[in-house]
Amino acid sequence: MLLGFQYLQKDQAHVYSLPIPSGLNGMRGLRRVVVTLGWCTPTNHRNSAYRRAKIWFVPYQGMGKDVGKTVKEGEVATLLNLRRTDANWQATRRGTIQHEIFEGTRASSFPDNSQFQIQVNCAAESGDKLENVAIPYCLAITVEVAAELNISIYQEIRNRILVPIQPT
């Protein structure tokens, strides 16, 4: 599981990169990425659209030739061959919690050191200018694979996100 928390202001975005375990390369079997984003928004009691800010995440395609390209809103076509399940992508953005599950079973091929990227965005809502207001949020990303694949994904991810100690 990867946890991130931060503050965003209007028209800002943060990109989180999660290493794709190389043990999944060419493997068929169930794999799942679960992404949950929660935030606290200031409110405007004078407007029926009471939220002053909206925050949402967008999954990106992988690294390599697809760097920086967003995926189509209704579908996730990543290096892992994942698809949204259980909920409509538009419905998941209506509150202050966005929870989505991306699943796939087809084999996929990707270069070493590939990344799965999630961008968290912030915008004003209900006609609010939202100047100089920092909105707190928290992001949780979980990667799961079927037990029969016998891949140590947590160790592979951990090894790639640890920062080596630099000699002084």
N, C-alpha and C. Protein backbone atom coordinates (compact mmCIF):
# COMPACT_ATOMS: atom_id res chain seq x y z
N MET A 1 0.84 -1.17 0.00
CA MET A 1 0.00 0.00 0.00
C MET A 1 0.89 1.23 0.00
N LEU A 2 0.50 2.22 -0.79
CA LEU A 2 1.19 3.49 -0.84
C LEU A 2 0.24 4.54 -0.28
N LEU A 3 0.72 5.33 0.67
CA LEU A 3 -0.08 6.40 1.24
C LEU A 3 0.57 7.72 0.93
N GLY A 4 -0.26 8.70 0.58
CA GLY A 4 0.23 10.04 0.34
C GLY A 4 -0.76 11.04 0.90
N PHE A 5 -0.26 12.12 1.46
CA PHE A 5 -1.15 13.18 1.91
C PHE A 5 -0.46 14.51 1.65
N GLN A 6 -1.26 15.50 1.38
CA GLN A 6 -0.71 16.78 1.00
C GLN A 6 -1.84 17.81 0.99
N TYR A 7 -1.54 19.00 0.56
CA TYR A 7 -2.51 20.07 0.37
C TYR A 7 -2.46 20.52 -1.07
N LEU A 8 -3.62 20.85 -1.62
CA LEU A 8 -3.69 21.39 -2.98
C LEU A 8 -4.47 22.70 -2.96
N GLN A 9 -4.07 23.62 -3.83
CA GLN A 9 -4.83 24.84 -4.04
C GLN A 9 -5.49 24.76 -5.41
N LYS A 10 -6.41 25.66 -5.65
CA LYS A 10 -7.14 25.70 -6.91
C LYS A 10 -6.18 25.64 -8.11
N ASP A 11 -6.53 24.82 -9.08
CA ASP A 11 -5.79 24.65 -10.34
C ASP A 11 -4.39 24.05 -10.16
N GLN A 12 -4.16 23.36 -9.06
CA GLN A 12 -2.91 22.63 -8.85
C GLN A 12 -3.15 21.14 -9.03
N ALA A 13 -2.07 20.40 -9.21
CA ALA A 13 -2.14 18.94 -9.32
C ALA A 13 -0.86 18.33 -8.80
N HIS A 14 -0.96 17.12 -8.26
CA HIS A 14 0.19 16.33 -7.84
C HIS A 14 0.13 14.99 -8.57
N VAL A 15 1.30 14.47 -8.96
CA VAL A 15 1.37 13.18 -9.64
C VAL A 15 2.10 12.21 -8.71
N TYR A 16 1.47 11.05 -8.48
CA TYR A 16 2.06 9.98 -7.67
C TYR A 16 2.42 8.84 -8.61
N SER A 17 3.62 8.28 -8.45
CA SER A 17 4.08 7.17 -9.28
C SER A 17 4.26 5.94 -8.40
N LEU A 18 3.70 4.84 -8.85
CA LEU A 18 3.82 3.58 -8.15
C LEU A 18 4.56 2.60 -9.05
N PRO A 19 5.67 2.04 -8.61
CA PRO A 19 6.42 1.10 -9.44
C PRO A 19 5.58 -0.12 -9.78
N ILE A 20 5.65 -0.55 -11.02
CA ILE A 20 4.99 -1.79 -11.42
C ILE A 20 5.97 -2.93 -11.19
N PRO A 21 5.60 -3.92 -10.38
CA PRO A 21 6.52 -5.03 -10.10
C PRO A 21 6.87 -5.79 -11.38
N SER A 22 8.16 -5.99 -11.62
CA SER A 22 8.61 -6.67 -12.84
C SER A 22 8.14 -8.12 -12.88
N GLY A 23 7.82 -8.71 -11.73
CA GLY A 23 7.32 -10.08 -11.69
C GLY A 23 5.98 -10.25 -12.39
N LEU A 24 5.26 -9.15 -12.65
CA LEU A 24 3.98 -9.21 -13.36
C LEU A 24 4.16 -9.23 -14.88
N ASN A 25 5.37 -8.97 -15.34
CA ASN A 25 5.63 -8.90 -16.78
C ASN A 25 5.37 -10.26 -17.43
N GLY A 26 4.43 -10.29 -18.37
CA GLY A 26 4.10 -11.50 -19.11
C GLY A 26 3.26 -12.50 -18.35
N MET A 27 2.81 -12.18 -17.15
CA MET A 27 2.04 -13.12 -16.33
C MET A 27 0.54 -12.91 -16.52
N ARG A 28 -0.17 -14.03 -16.69
CA ARG A 28 -1.64 -14.00 -16.72
C ARG A 28 -2.14 -14.30 -15.32
N GLY A 29 -3.19 -13.64 -14.93
CA GLY A 29 -3.78 -13.86 -13.61
C GLY A 29 -4.34 -12.57 -13.06
N LEU A 30 -5.15 -12.71 -12.05
CA LEU A 30 -5.83 -11.55 -11.48
C LEU A 30 -4.84 -10.59 -10.83
N ARG A 31 -4.97 -9.33 -11.18
CA ARG A 31 -4.25 -8.26 -10.52
C ARG A 31 -5.21 -7.08 -10.38
N ARG A 32 -5.02 -6.36 -9.29
CA ARG A 32 -5.97 -5.30 -8.94
C ARG A 32 -5.21 -4.13 -8.34
N VAL A 33 -5.61 -2.93 -8.73
CA VAL A 33 -5.11 -1.70 -8.12
C VAL A 33 -6.33 -0.97 -7.56
N VAL A 34 -6.30 -0.70 -6.25
CA VAL A 34 -7.40 0.00 -5.59
C VAL A 34 -6.89 1.38 -5.19
N VAL A 35 -7.61 2.42 -5.61
CA VAL A 35 -7.21 3.80 -5.33
C VAL A 35 -8.33 4.49 -4.57
N THR A 36 -7.99 5.08 -3.42
CA THR A 36 -8.97 5.82 -2.62
C THR A 36 -8.40 7.20 -2.31
N LEU A 37 -9.21 8.21 -2.59
CA LEU A 37 -8.84 9.61 -2.35
C LEU A 37 -9.91 10.24 -1.48
N GLY A 38 -9.50 10.87 -0.39
CA GLY A 38 -10.44 11.58 0.47
C GLY A 38 -9.92 12.97 0.76
N TRP A 39 -10.82 13.94 0.90
CA TRP A 39 -10.40 15.30 1.18
C TRP A 39 -11.46 16.03 1.99
N CYS A 40 -11.03 17.12 2.60
CA CYS A 40 -11.92 17.98 3.39
C CYS A 40 -12.07 19.29 2.63
N THR A 41 -13.29 19.60 2.25
CA THR A 41 -13.53 20.81 1.49
C THR A 41 -14.19 21.89 2.35
N PRO A 42 -13.80 23.13 2.16
CA PRO A 42 -14.57 24.19 2.80
C PRO A 42 -15.95 24.24 2.15
N THR A 43 -16.93 24.72 2.88
CA THR A 43 -18.30 24.72 2.36
C THR A 43 -18.83 26.15 2.16
N ASN A 44 -19.81 26.25 1.30
CA ASN A 44 -20.51 27.50 1.03
C ASN A 44 -21.98 27.24 1.34
N HIS A 45 -22.44 27.66 2.50
CA HIS A 45 -23.82 27.40 2.91
C HIS A 45 -24.84 28.22 2.14
N ARG A 46 -24.40 29.14 1.32
CA ARG A 46 -25.32 29.98 0.53
C ARG A 46 -25.58 29.40 -0.86
N ASN A 47 -25.00 28.26 -1.15
CA ASN A 47 -25.14 27.69 -2.49
C ASN A 47 -25.58 26.24 -2.35
N SER A 48 -26.49 25.78 -3.22
CA SER A 48 -26.94 24.38 -3.15
C SER A 48 -25.81 23.41 -3.49
N ALA A 49 -24.87 23.84 -4.31
CA ALA A 49 -23.65 23.07 -4.54
C ALA A 49 -22.67 23.52 -3.45
N TYR A 50 -22.83 22.98 -2.27
CA TYR A 50 -22.18 23.49 -1.07
C TYR A 50 -20.66 23.38 -1.05
N ARG A 51 -20.08 22.47 -1.82
CA ARG A 51 -18.63 22.32 -1.80
C ARG A 51 -17.96 23.49 -2.51
N ARG A 52 -16.96 24.08 -1.88
CA ARG A 52 -16.21 25.16 -2.51
C ARG A 52 -15.09 24.64 -3.39
N ALA A 53 -14.67 23.39 -3.15
CA ALA A 53 -13.57 22.81 -3.92
C ALA A 53 -13.90 21.38 -4.28
N LYS A 54 -13.35 20.94 -5.38
CA LYS A 54 -13.45 19.52 -5.74
C LYS A 54 -12.05 19.02 -6.03
N ILE A 55 -11.80 17.82 -5.56
CA ILE A 55 -10.52 17.15 -5.80
C ILE A 55 -10.84 15.78 -6.38
N TRP A 56 -10.07 15.36 -7.37
CA TRP A 56 -10.29 14.07 -8.00
C TRP A 56 -8.97 13.54 -8.53
N PHE A 57 -8.91 12.21 -8.74
CA PHE A 57 -7.71 11.64 -9.33
C PHE A 57 -8.02 11.13 -10.73
N VAL A 58 -6.96 11.09 -11.53
CA VAL A 58 -7.03 10.57 -12.90
C VAL A 58 -5.86 9.61 -13.06
N PRO A 59 -6.12 8.36 -13.45
CA PRO A 59 -5.01 7.45 -13.73
C PRO A 59 -4.36 7.80 -15.07
N TYR A 60 -3.06 7.64 -15.12
CA TYR A 60 -2.29 7.89 -16.35
C TYR A 60 -1.84 6.56 -16.93
N GLN A 61 -1.49 6.59 -18.20
CA GLN A 61 -0.85 5.42 -18.80
C GLN A 61 0.56 5.32 -18.24
N GLY A 62 1.25 4.27 -18.59
CA GLY A 62 2.57 4.02 -18.01
C GLY A 62 3.65 4.91 -18.56
N MET A 63 4.85 4.66 -18.08
CA MET A 63 6.02 5.41 -18.52
C MET A 63 6.41 4.94 -19.92
N GLY A 64 7.45 5.53 -20.45
CA GLY A 64 7.91 5.19 -21.79
C GLY A 64 7.28 6.12 -22.81
N LYS A 65 6.81 5.58 -23.92
CA LYS A 65 6.27 6.44 -24.98
C LYS A 65 4.97 7.11 -24.56
N ASP A 66 4.32 6.64 -23.49
CA ASP A 66 3.04 7.20 -23.07
C ASP A 66 3.17 8.22 -21.94
N VAL A 67 4.36 8.65 -21.60
CA VAL A 67 4.55 9.57 -20.48
C VAL A 67 3.71 10.82 -20.70
N GLY A 68 2.96 11.19 -19.68
CA GLY A 68 2.20 12.43 -19.72
C GLY A 68 0.87 12.37 -20.44
N LYS A 69 0.53 11.23 -21.04
CA LYS A 69 -0.75 11.12 -21.74
C LYS A 69 -1.80 10.61 -20.77
N THR A 70 -2.90 11.33 -20.66
CA THR A 70 -3.98 10.85 -19.81
C THR A 70 -4.77 9.79 -20.57
N VAL A 71 -5.41 8.92 -19.83
CA VAL A 71 -6.23 7.89 -20.45
C VAL A 71 -7.61 8.45 -20.71
N LYS A 72 -8.39 7.75 -21.50
CA LYS A 72 -9.77 8.15 -21.74
C LYS A 72 -10.52 8.07 -20.42
N GLU A 73 -11.42 9.01 -20.19
CA GLU A 73 -12.09 9.09 -18.90
C GLU A 73 -12.86 7.83 -18.53
N GLY A 74 -13.48 7.17 -19.47
CA GLY A 74 -14.31 6.02 -19.13
C GLY A 74 -13.55 4.71 -19.04
N GLU A 75 -12.27 4.71 -19.33
CA GLU A 75 -11.53 3.45 -19.43
C GLU A 75 -10.08 3.64 -19.01
N VAL A 76 -9.51 2.64 -18.42
CA VAL A 76 -8.10 2.69 -18.05
C VAL A 76 -7.36 1.64 -18.87
N ALA A 77 -6.52 2.08 -19.76
CA ALA A 77 -5.75 1.16 -20.60
C ALA A 77 -4.28 1.33 -20.25
N THR A 78 -3.87 0.76 -19.16
CA THR A 78 -2.50 0.94 -18.67
C THR A 78 -1.61 -0.19 -19.15
N LEU A 79 -0.38 -0.12 -18.74
CA LEU A 79 0.56 -1.19 -19.04
C LEU A 79 0.13 -2.51 -18.42
N LEU A 80 -0.70 -2.46 -17.39
CA LEU A 80 -1.14 -3.68 -16.71
C LEU A 80 -2.44 -4.25 -17.27
N ASN A 81 -2.97 -3.67 -18.33
CA ASN A 81 -4.26 -4.12 -18.90
C ASN A 81 -5.37 -4.13 -17.86
N LEU A 82 -5.53 -3.03 -17.15
CA LEU A 82 -6.56 -2.92 -16.12
C LEU A 82 -7.77 -2.17 -16.64
N ARG A 83 -8.92 -2.48 -16.07
CA ARG A 83 -10.17 -1.79 -16.40
C ARG A 83 -10.86 -1.42 -15.10
N ARG A 84 -11.60 -0.30 -15.14
CA ARG A 84 -12.41 0.08 -13.98
C ARG A 84 -13.47 -0.97 -13.73
N THR A 85 -13.77 -1.22 -12.46
CA THR A 85 -14.83 -2.16 -12.09
C THR A 85 -15.75 -1.50 -11.07
N ASP A 86 -16.92 -2.05 -10.92
CA ASP A 86 -17.86 -1.75 -9.84
C ASP A 86 -18.55 -0.39 -9.87
N ALA A 87 -17.97 0.64 -10.43
CA ALA A 87 -18.61 1.96 -10.34
C ALA A 87 -18.35 2.77 -11.60
N ASN A 88 -19.26 3.65 -11.90
CA ASN A 88 -19.10 4.58 -13.00
C ASN A 88 -18.10 5.66 -12.59
N TRP A 89 -17.15 5.96 -13.45
CA TRP A 89 -16.10 6.92 -13.11
C TRP A 89 -16.66 8.29 -12.79
N GLN A 90 -17.78 8.67 -13.40
CA GLN A 90 -18.37 9.98 -13.11
C GLN A 90 -19.03 9.99 -11.72
N ALA A 91 -19.67 8.89 -11.37
CA ALA A 91 -20.35 8.81 -10.07
C ALA A 91 -19.35 8.84 -8.92
N THR A 92 -18.15 8.32 -9.12
CA THR A 92 -17.17 8.26 -8.04
C THR A 92 -16.64 9.63 -7.65
N ARG A 93 -16.89 10.64 -8.47
CA ARG A 93 -16.36 11.99 -8.21
C ARG A 93 -17.38 12.94 -7.59
N ARG A 94 -18.52 12.44 -7.16
CA ARG A 94 -19.60 13.32 -6.70
C ARG A 94 -19.49 13.76 -5.24
N GLY A 95 -18.70 13.10 -4.44
CA GLY A 95 -18.61 13.45 -3.03
C GLY A 95 -17.23 13.93 -2.66
N THR A 96 -16.82 13.64 -1.44
CA THR A 96 -15.48 14.00 -0.99
C THR A 96 -14.61 12.76 -0.77
N ILE A 97 -15.08 11.63 -1.27
CA ILE A 97 -14.30 10.38 -1.31
C ILE A 97 -14.41 9.84 -2.73
N GLN A 98 -13.30 9.51 -3.34
CA GLN A 98 -13.30 8.84 -4.64
C GLN A 98 -12.60 7.51 -4.44
N HIS A 99 -13.33 6.43 -4.68
CA HIS A 99 -12.81 5.08 -4.48
C HIS A 99 -13.04 4.30 -5.76
N GLU A 100 -11.97 3.82 -6.38
CA GLU A 100 -12.10 3.06 -7.62
C GLU A 100 -11.21 1.83 -7.58
N ILE A 101 -11.69 0.78 -8.27
CA ILE A 101 -10.96 -0.48 -8.37
C ILE A 101 -10.68 -0.72 -9.85
N PHE A 102 -9.41 -1.03 -10.15
CA PHE A 102 -8.97 -1.34 -11.51
C PHE A 102 -8.48 -2.78 -11.51
N GLU A 103 -9.05 -3.62 -12.40
CA GLU A 103 -8.74 -5.05 -12.41
C GLU A 103 -8.39 -5.53 -13.81
N GLY A 104 -7.63 -6.61 -13.86
CA GLY A 104 -7.33 -7.25 -15.12
C GLY A 104 -6.77 -8.63 -14.91
N THR A 105 -6.89 -9.49 -15.93
CA THR A 105 -6.34 -10.84 -15.86
C THR A 105 -5.45 -11.15 -17.05
N ARG A 106 -5.50 -10.32 -18.10
CA ARG A 106 -4.71 -10.58 -19.29
C ARG A 106 -3.23 -10.31 -19.05
N ALA A 107 -2.39 -11.09 -19.69
CA ALA A 107 -0.94 -10.88 -19.60
C ALA A 107 -0.59 -9.54 -20.22
N SER A 108 0.41 -8.90 -19.70
CA SER A 108 0.86 -7.63 -20.26
C SER A 108 2.38 -7.62 -20.28
N SER A 109 2.91 -6.83 -21.19
CA SER A 109 4.36 -6.70 -21.33
C SER A 109 4.71 -5.23 -21.16
N PHE A 110 5.72 -4.95 -20.37
CA PHE A 110 6.12 -3.57 -20.14
C PHE A 110 7.61 -3.53 -19.86
N PRO A 111 8.24 -2.38 -20.11
CA PRO A 111 9.68 -2.26 -19.87
C PRO A 111 10.00 -2.27 -18.38
N ASP A 112 11.23 -2.64 -18.04
CA ASP A 112 11.68 -2.57 -16.64
C ASP A 112 11.54 -1.15 -16.12
N ASN A 113 11.34 -1.03 -14.82
CA ASN A 113 11.20 0.25 -14.14
C ASN A 113 9.99 1.06 -14.59
N SER A 114 8.93 0.39 -15.05
CA SER A 114 7.70 1.08 -15.44
C SER A 114 6.96 1.56 -14.20
N GLN A 115 6.14 2.57 -14.39
CA GLN A 115 5.39 3.19 -13.30
C GLN A 115 3.91 3.26 -13.65
N PHE A 116 3.07 3.13 -12.64
CA PHE A 116 1.64 3.40 -12.75
C PHE A 116 1.44 4.75 -12.09
N GLN A 117 0.88 5.72 -12.80
CA GLN A 117 0.79 7.07 -12.28
C GLN A 117 -0.65 7.49 -12.01
N ILE A 118 -0.83 8.23 -10.93
CA ILE A 118 -2.12 8.79 -10.54
C ILE A 118 -1.91 10.29 -10.35
N GLN A 119 -2.73 11.10 -11.00
CA GLN A 119 -2.66 12.55 -10.81
C GLN A 119 -3.85 13.00 -9.99
N VAL A 120 -3.59 13.77 -8.92
CA VAL A 120 -4.63 14.34 -8.07
C VAL A 120 -4.77 15.80 -8.45
N ASN A 121 -6.02 16.22 -8.75
CA ASN A 121 -6.30 17.56 -9.25
C ASN A 121 -7.21 18.31 -8.29
N CYS A 122 -7.16 19.65 -8.33
CA CYS A 122 -8.03 20.48 -7.49
C CYS A 122 -8.61 21.61 -8.34
N ALA A 123 -9.89 21.90 -8.13
CA ALA A 123 -10.56 22.99 -8.83
C ALA A 123 -11.60 23.60 -7.91
N ALA A 124 -11.93 24.86 -8.17
CA ALA A 124 -12.99 25.53 -7.42
C ALA A 124 -14.33 25.00 -7.91
N GLU A 125 -15.30 24.99 -7.00
CA GLU A 125 -16.64 24.54 -7.36
C GLU A 125 -17.65 25.56 -6.86
N SER A 126 -18.83 25.49 -7.33
CA SER A 126 -19.96 26.35 -6.96
C SER A 126 -19.64 27.83 -7.16
N GLY A 127 -18.91 28.15 -8.23
CA GLY A 127 -18.63 29.53 -8.57
C GLY A 127 -17.70 30.24 -7.60
N ASP A 128 -17.01 29.50 -6.77
CA ASP A 128 -16.13 30.08 -5.76
C ASP A 128 -14.78 30.40 -6.36
N LYS A 129 -14.18 31.51 -5.94
CA LYS A 129 -12.84 31.87 -6.42
C LYS A 129 -11.77 31.05 -5.74
N LEU A 130 -11.99 30.66 -4.49
CA LEU A 130 -11.12 29.77 -3.74
C LEU A 130 -9.65 30.20 -3.78
N GLU A 131 -9.42 31.48 -3.58
CA GLU A 131 -8.05 32.00 -3.62
C GLU A 131 -7.32 31.70 -2.31
N ASN A 132 -6.10 31.24 -2.41
CA ASN A 132 -5.20 31.01 -1.27
C ASN A 132 -5.78 30.09 -0.20
N VAL A 133 -6.56 29.10 -0.62
CA VAL A 133 -7.10 28.12 0.31
C VAL A 133 -6.44 26.77 0.00
N ALA A 134 -5.80 26.19 1.01
CA ALA A 134 -5.14 24.89 0.84
C ALA A 134 -6.10 23.80 1.31
N ILE A 135 -6.41 22.87 0.41
CA ILE A 135 -7.36 21.79 0.69
C ILE A 135 -6.56 20.53 1.04
N PRO A 136 -6.75 19.98 2.25
CA PRO A 136 -6.02 18.76 2.62
C PRO A 136 -6.65 17.52 1.99
N TYR A 137 -5.80 16.59 1.57
CA TYR A 137 -6.29 15.32 1.02
C TYR A 137 -5.36 14.19 1.42
N CYS A 138 -5.87 12.97 1.26
CA CYS A 138 -5.09 11.76 1.53
C CYS A 138 -5.37 10.78 0.40
N LEU A 139 -4.34 10.09 -0.08
CA LEU A 139 -4.45 9.14 -1.17
C LEU A 139 -3.90 7.80 -0.72
N ALA A 140 -4.64 6.73 -0.97
CA ALA A 140 -4.17 5.37 -0.66
C ALA A 140 -4.26 4.53 -1.93
N ILE A 141 -3.17 3.84 -2.26
CA ILE A 141 -3.12 2.97 -3.44
C ILE A 141 -2.67 1.59 -2.97
N THR A 142 -3.45 0.58 -3.32
CA THR A 142 -3.12 -0.80 -2.97
C THR A 142 -2.99 -1.63 -4.23
N VAL A 143 -1.98 -2.47 -4.31
CA VAL A 143 -1.77 -3.38 -5.43
C VAL A 143 -1.95 -4.80 -4.91
N GLU A 144 -2.78 -5.59 -5.61
CA GLU A 144 -3.04 -6.97 -5.22
C GLU A 144 -2.85 -7.88 -6.43
N VAL A 145 -2.37 -9.10 -6.19
CA VAL A 145 -2.29 -10.12 -7.24
C VAL A 145 -2.81 -11.43 -6.66
N ALA A 146 -3.25 -12.30 -7.57
CA ALA A 146 -3.74 -13.61 -7.15
C ALA A 146 -2.60 -14.40 -6.50
N ALA A 147 -2.93 -15.13 -5.45
CA ALA A 147 -1.93 -15.91 -4.71
C ALA A 147 -1.23 -16.92 -5.60
N GLU A 148 -1.95 -17.51 -6.57
CA GLU A 148 -1.34 -18.53 -7.42
C GLU A 148 -0.25 -17.98 -8.34
N LEU A 149 -0.16 -16.66 -8.48
CA LEU A 149 0.92 -16.09 -9.29
C LEU A 149 2.27 -16.18 -8.57
N ASN A 150 2.24 -16.30 -7.25
CA ASN A 150 3.45 -16.48 -6.45
C ASN A 150 4.51 -15.41 -6.75
N ILE A 151 4.07 -14.15 -6.71
CA ILE A 151 4.96 -13.01 -6.97
C ILE A 151 5.06 -12.19 -5.69
N SER A 152 6.25 -11.83 -5.31
CA SER A 152 6.44 -11.02 -4.10
C SER A 152 6.35 -9.53 -4.47
N ILE A 153 5.13 -9.09 -4.79
CA ILE A 153 4.96 -7.72 -5.28
C ILE A 153 5.34 -6.67 -4.24
N TYR A 154 5.03 -6.93 -2.99
CA TYR A 154 5.32 -5.92 -1.96
C TYR A 154 6.82 -5.70 -1.83
N GLN A 155 7.59 -6.77 -1.88
CA GLN A 155 9.05 -6.63 -1.79
C GLN A 155 9.59 -5.91 -3.02
N GLU A 156 9.07 -6.24 -4.21
CA GLU A 156 9.54 -5.58 -5.43
C GLU A 156 9.24 -4.09 -5.40
N ILE A 157 8.02 -3.73 -4.96
CA ILE A 157 7.66 -2.31 -4.88
C ILE A 157 8.51 -1.62 -3.83
N ARG A 158 8.66 -2.24 -2.68
CA ARG A 158 9.45 -1.67 -1.59
C ARG A 158 10.88 -1.39 -2.03
N ASN A 159 11.49 -2.34 -2.72
CA ASN A 159 12.86 -2.17 -3.19
C ASN A 159 13.00 -0.99 -4.14
N ARG A 160 11.96 -0.73 -4.93
CA ARG A 160 12.05 0.35 -5.91
C ARG A 160 11.70 1.71 -5.34
N ILE A 161 10.97 1.76 -4.23
CA ILE A 161 10.63 3.08 -3.68
C ILE A 161 11.55 3.52 -2.55
N LEU A 162 12.34 2.59 -2.01
CA LEU A 162 13.29 2.98 -0.97
C LEU A 162 14.38 3.86 -1.56
N VAL A 163 14.70 4.91 -0.86
CA VAL A 163 15.75 5.80 -1.32
C VAL A 163 17.06 5.32 -0.68
N PRO A 164 18.08 4.99 -1.49
CA PRO A 164 19.34 4.53 -0.91
C PRO A 164 20.02 5.65 -0.14
N ILE A 165 20.73 5.26 0.90
CA ILE A 165 21.47 6.24 1.71
C ILE A 165 22.70 6.65 0.93
N GLN A 166 22.87 7.94 0.78
CA GLN A 166 24.01 8.48 0.04
C GLN A 166 25.21 8.62 0.97
N PRO A 167 26.41 8.18 0.54
CA PRO A 167 27.59 8.37 1.38
C PRO A 167 27.94 9.87 1.47
N THR A 168 28.46 10.26 2.61
CA THR A 168 28.81 11.68 2.78
C THR A 168 30.29 11.91 2.64
